[in-house]
N, C-alpha and C. Protein backbone atom coordinates (compact mmCIF):
# COMPACT_ATOMS: atom_id res chain seq x y z
N MET A 1 -33.34 48.46 32.31
CA MET A 1 -33.57 48.21 33.72
C MET A 1 -34.46 46.97 33.87
N GLU A 2 -34.01 46.04 34.68
CA GLU A 2 -34.81 44.85 34.92
C GLU A 2 -35.88 45.17 35.95
N THR A 3 -37.13 45.01 35.57
CA THR A 3 -38.22 45.25 36.50
C THR A 3 -38.86 43.93 36.86
N GLY A 4 -39.46 43.87 38.01
CA GLY A 4 -40.12 42.66 38.44
C GLY A 4 -39.21 41.67 39.14
N ARG A 5 -37.94 41.93 39.17
CA ARG A 5 -37.00 41.06 39.89
C ARG A 5 -36.86 41.56 41.33
N PRO A 6 -36.57 40.68 42.29
CA PRO A 6 -36.44 41.14 43.67
C PRO A 6 -35.37 42.21 43.87
N TYR A 7 -34.33 42.17 43.06
CA TYR A 7 -33.22 43.11 43.23
C TYR A 7 -33.38 44.38 42.39
N SER A 8 -34.50 44.55 41.67
CA SER A 8 -34.65 45.69 40.77
C SER A 8 -34.63 47.04 41.52
N ARG A 9 -35.20 47.09 42.71
CA ARG A 9 -35.17 48.36 43.46
C ARG A 9 -33.77 48.70 43.93
N LEU A 10 -32.99 47.68 44.27
CA LEU A 10 -31.59 47.91 44.64
C LEU A 10 -30.84 48.47 43.44
N LEU A 11 -31.05 47.89 42.27
CA LEU A 11 -30.40 48.40 41.06
C LEU A 11 -30.81 49.84 40.78
N GLN A 12 -32.09 50.16 40.92
CA GLN A 12 -32.56 51.53 40.72
C GLN A 12 -31.86 52.49 41.67
N ARG A 13 -31.74 52.10 42.92
CA ARG A 13 -31.10 52.95 43.92
C ARG A 13 -29.63 53.16 43.58
N LEU A 14 -28.93 52.11 43.19
CA LEU A 14 -27.52 52.22 42.85
C LEU A 14 -27.32 53.04 41.58
N GLU A 15 -28.23 52.90 40.62
CA GLU A 15 -28.14 53.64 39.36
C GLU A 15 -28.33 55.15 39.57
N ARG A 16 -29.01 55.54 40.62
CA ARG A 16 -29.15 56.97 40.93
C ARG A 16 -27.81 57.59 41.31
N LEU A 17 -26.93 56.77 41.89
CA LEU A 17 -25.62 57.26 42.32
C LEU A 17 -24.59 57.23 41.21
N ASN A 18 -24.63 56.17 40.39
CA ASN A 18 -23.63 56.00 39.34
C ASN A 18 -24.12 54.94 38.37
N THR A 19 -23.72 55.06 37.12
CA THR A 19 -24.10 54.07 36.12
C THR A 19 -23.38 52.76 36.41
N LEU A 20 -24.13 51.67 36.39
CA LEU A 20 -23.55 50.35 36.63
C LEU A 20 -23.22 49.70 35.29
N SER A 21 -22.11 49.00 35.27
CA SER A 21 -21.75 48.25 34.06
C SER A 21 -22.62 47.01 33.98
N ALA A 22 -22.66 46.40 32.81
CA ALA A 22 -23.43 45.17 32.62
C ALA A 22 -22.91 44.08 33.56
N GLY A 23 -21.59 44.06 33.77
CA GLY A 23 -21.00 43.07 34.68
C GLY A 23 -21.45 43.27 36.11
N ASP A 24 -21.50 44.54 36.55
CA ASP A 24 -21.97 44.84 37.91
C ASP A 24 -23.42 44.43 38.08
N ARG A 25 -24.24 44.72 37.09
CA ARG A 25 -25.66 44.36 37.14
C ARG A 25 -25.81 42.84 37.20
N GLN A 26 -24.97 42.12 36.45
CA GLN A 26 -25.03 40.66 36.46
C GLN A 26 -24.58 40.10 37.80
N ARG A 27 -23.56 40.70 38.41
CA ARG A 27 -23.10 40.24 39.72
C ARG A 27 -24.21 40.36 40.76
N ILE A 28 -24.95 41.45 40.71
CA ILE A 28 -26.07 41.63 41.64
C ILE A 28 -27.16 40.59 41.35
N ALA A 29 -27.44 40.36 40.08
CA ALA A 29 -28.46 39.37 39.70
C ALA A 29 -28.05 37.95 40.13
N ASP A 30 -26.75 37.68 40.18
CA ASP A 30 -26.26 36.35 40.53
C ASP A 30 -26.13 36.11 42.03
N LEU A 31 -26.39 37.11 42.85
CA LEU A 31 -26.28 36.92 44.29
C LEU A 31 -27.29 35.88 44.77
N PRO A 32 -26.90 35.05 45.76
CA PRO A 32 -27.87 34.07 46.28
C PRO A 32 -29.03 34.82 46.94
N LEU A 33 -30.23 34.33 46.72
CA LEU A 33 -31.40 35.07 47.14
C LEU A 33 -32.41 34.13 47.79
N LYS A 34 -32.94 34.55 48.91
CA LYS A 34 -34.01 33.81 49.57
C LYS A 34 -35.07 34.84 49.95
N LEU A 35 -36.26 34.70 49.39
CA LEU A 35 -37.34 35.63 49.69
C LEU A 35 -38.09 35.18 50.93
N VAL A 36 -38.26 36.11 51.87
CA VAL A 36 -38.98 35.83 53.10
C VAL A 36 -39.93 36.99 53.36
N ASN A 37 -41.18 36.69 53.65
CA ASN A 37 -42.15 37.71 54.03
C ASN A 37 -42.25 37.74 55.55
N TYR A 38 -42.05 38.91 56.13
CA TYR A 38 -42.17 39.06 57.57
C TYR A 38 -43.44 39.83 57.90
N PRO A 39 -44.22 39.36 58.85
CA PRO A 39 -45.41 40.12 59.24
C PRO A 39 -45.01 41.37 60.01
N ALA A 40 -45.90 42.35 60.03
CA ALA A 40 -45.64 43.59 60.77
C ALA A 40 -45.37 43.28 62.24
N GLY A 41 -44.38 43.96 62.79
CA GLY A 41 -44.06 43.81 64.20
C GLY A 41 -43.09 42.68 64.53
N ARG A 42 -42.72 41.86 63.57
CA ARG A 42 -41.80 40.74 63.82
C ARG A 42 -40.36 41.21 63.64
N ASP A 43 -39.48 40.76 64.52
CA ASP A 43 -38.06 41.08 64.40
C ASP A 43 -37.44 40.28 63.27
N VAL A 44 -36.65 40.96 62.45
CA VAL A 44 -35.89 40.29 61.39
C VAL A 44 -34.61 39.75 62.01
N VAL A 45 -33.93 40.58 62.79
CA VAL A 45 -32.75 40.19 63.57
C VAL A 45 -32.92 40.80 64.95
N SER A 46 -32.76 40.01 65.98
CA SER A 46 -32.91 40.50 67.35
C SER A 46 -31.69 41.28 67.79
N TYR A 47 -31.90 42.22 68.69
CA TYR A 47 -30.82 43.07 69.20
C TYR A 47 -29.74 42.21 69.83
N GLY A 48 -28.50 42.47 69.47
CA GLY A 48 -27.36 41.76 70.05
C GLY A 48 -26.89 40.57 69.22
N TYR A 49 -27.66 40.14 68.24
CA TYR A 49 -27.27 39.03 67.38
C TYR A 49 -26.62 39.56 66.11
N SER A 50 -25.65 38.83 65.61
CA SER A 50 -25.01 39.19 64.34
C SER A 50 -25.72 38.46 63.21
N PRO A 51 -26.20 39.17 62.20
CA PRO A 51 -26.90 38.50 61.11
C PRO A 51 -25.94 37.66 60.27
N SER A 52 -26.44 36.57 59.72
CA SER A 52 -25.63 35.70 58.86
C SER A 52 -25.89 35.99 57.38
N ARG A 53 -26.79 36.94 57.11
CA ARG A 53 -27.11 37.30 55.72
C ARG A 53 -27.54 38.76 55.70
N CYS A 54 -27.60 39.33 54.52
CA CYS A 54 -28.06 40.71 54.35
C CYS A 54 -29.57 40.72 54.13
N THR A 55 -30.20 41.78 54.56
CA THR A 55 -31.64 41.94 54.37
C THR A 55 -31.89 43.10 53.44
N LEU A 56 -32.43 42.82 52.26
CA LEU A 56 -32.81 43.83 51.29
C LEU A 56 -34.30 44.06 51.42
N VAL A 57 -34.70 45.29 51.69
CA VAL A 57 -36.12 45.62 51.83
C VAL A 57 -36.71 45.74 50.43
N LEU A 58 -37.70 44.91 50.13
CA LEU A 58 -38.33 44.93 48.81
C LEU A 58 -39.60 45.76 48.80
N ASP A 59 -40.31 45.77 49.91
CA ASP A 59 -41.58 46.48 49.99
C ASP A 59 -41.85 46.82 51.45
N GLY A 60 -42.45 47.95 51.68
CA GLY A 60 -42.77 48.35 53.04
C GLY A 60 -41.63 49.07 53.71
N TYR A 61 -41.62 49.00 55.04
CA TYR A 61 -40.64 49.71 55.84
C TYR A 61 -40.04 48.77 56.87
N LEU A 62 -38.85 49.11 57.31
CA LEU A 62 -38.16 48.37 58.35
C LEU A 62 -37.50 49.39 59.24
N CYS A 63 -37.40 49.11 60.52
CA CYS A 63 -36.70 50.04 61.41
C CYS A 63 -35.70 49.28 62.26
N ARG A 64 -34.66 49.99 62.67
CA ARG A 64 -33.68 49.46 63.62
C ARG A 64 -33.97 50.14 64.94
N HIS A 65 -33.92 49.37 66.00
CA HIS A 65 -34.16 49.96 67.33
C HIS A 65 -33.28 49.28 68.36
N LYS A 66 -33.13 49.94 69.48
CA LYS A 66 -32.38 49.36 70.59
C LYS A 66 -33.21 49.51 71.85
N PRO A 67 -33.06 48.56 72.78
CA PRO A 67 -33.83 48.64 74.01
C PRO A 67 -33.30 49.74 74.93
N VAL A 68 -34.22 50.44 75.57
CA VAL A 68 -33.88 51.46 76.57
C VAL A 68 -34.88 51.37 77.71
N LEU A 69 -34.43 51.51 78.91
CA LEU A 69 -35.28 51.56 80.10
C LEU A 69 -36.37 50.49 80.12
N GLY A 70 -35.94 49.25 80.32
CA GLY A 70 -36.91 48.16 80.44
C GLY A 70 -37.46 47.70 79.12
N SER A 71 -38.78 47.79 78.97
CA SER A 71 -39.43 47.28 77.76
C SER A 71 -39.57 48.34 76.66
N ARG A 72 -39.06 49.53 76.90
CA ARG A 72 -39.14 50.59 75.87
C ARG A 72 -38.04 50.40 74.84
N ARG A 73 -38.20 51.05 73.70
CA ARG A 73 -37.19 50.96 72.65
C ARG A 73 -37.03 52.31 71.98
N GLN A 74 -35.84 52.54 71.45
CA GLN A 74 -35.54 53.77 70.73
C GLN A 74 -35.24 53.40 69.28
N ILE A 75 -36.01 53.96 68.34
CA ILE A 75 -35.78 53.71 66.92
C ILE A 75 -34.57 54.53 66.50
N THR A 76 -33.60 53.85 65.88
CA THR A 76 -32.37 54.52 65.49
C THR A 76 -32.25 54.75 63.99
N SER A 77 -33.04 54.02 63.17
CA SER A 77 -33.03 54.25 61.73
C SER A 77 -34.23 53.58 61.08
N PHE A 78 -34.58 54.09 59.90
CA PHE A 78 -35.65 53.54 59.08
C PHE A 78 -35.07 53.08 57.75
N PHE A 79 -35.68 52.05 57.16
CA PHE A 79 -35.26 51.54 55.87
C PHE A 79 -36.48 51.43 54.97
N VAL A 80 -36.32 51.79 53.71
CA VAL A 80 -37.40 51.72 52.72
C VAL A 80 -37.00 50.76 51.61
N ALA A 81 -37.91 50.51 50.69
CA ALA A 81 -37.64 49.58 49.59
C ALA A 81 -36.37 49.98 48.84
N GLY A 82 -35.50 49.01 48.64
CA GLY A 82 -34.22 49.26 47.98
C GLY A 82 -33.06 49.41 48.94
N ASP A 83 -33.35 49.52 50.24
CA ASP A 83 -32.28 49.64 51.25
C ASP A 83 -31.81 48.26 51.70
N ILE A 84 -30.54 48.15 52.00
CA ILE A 84 -29.99 46.96 52.64
C ILE A 84 -29.87 47.31 54.11
N ALA A 85 -30.65 46.64 54.93
CA ALA A 85 -30.85 47.06 56.31
C ALA A 85 -29.69 46.75 57.25
N ASP A 86 -28.90 45.76 56.96
CA ASP A 86 -27.92 45.33 57.95
C ASP A 86 -26.50 45.26 57.42
N LEU A 87 -26.10 46.28 56.70
CA LEU A 87 -24.71 46.32 56.24
C LEU A 87 -23.80 46.75 57.36
């Protein structure tokens, strides 16, 4: 298991479901990657916009929400490290 790589938690999560071949592990390692740190409370993708890339949660938590009744919002899902938030 590769540790210390940005995609290592994704590999751990996938390995819990099924054993990955060396080729599958390499394909994940070869994916284009851009690391971005978001401060707490900042939107990663705003409601109504289509993302142009996938967001892999490396550390912390992320939530999906939708606006309801003016400025209120309803949280519809949570994401933890190893989750891909916008599939």
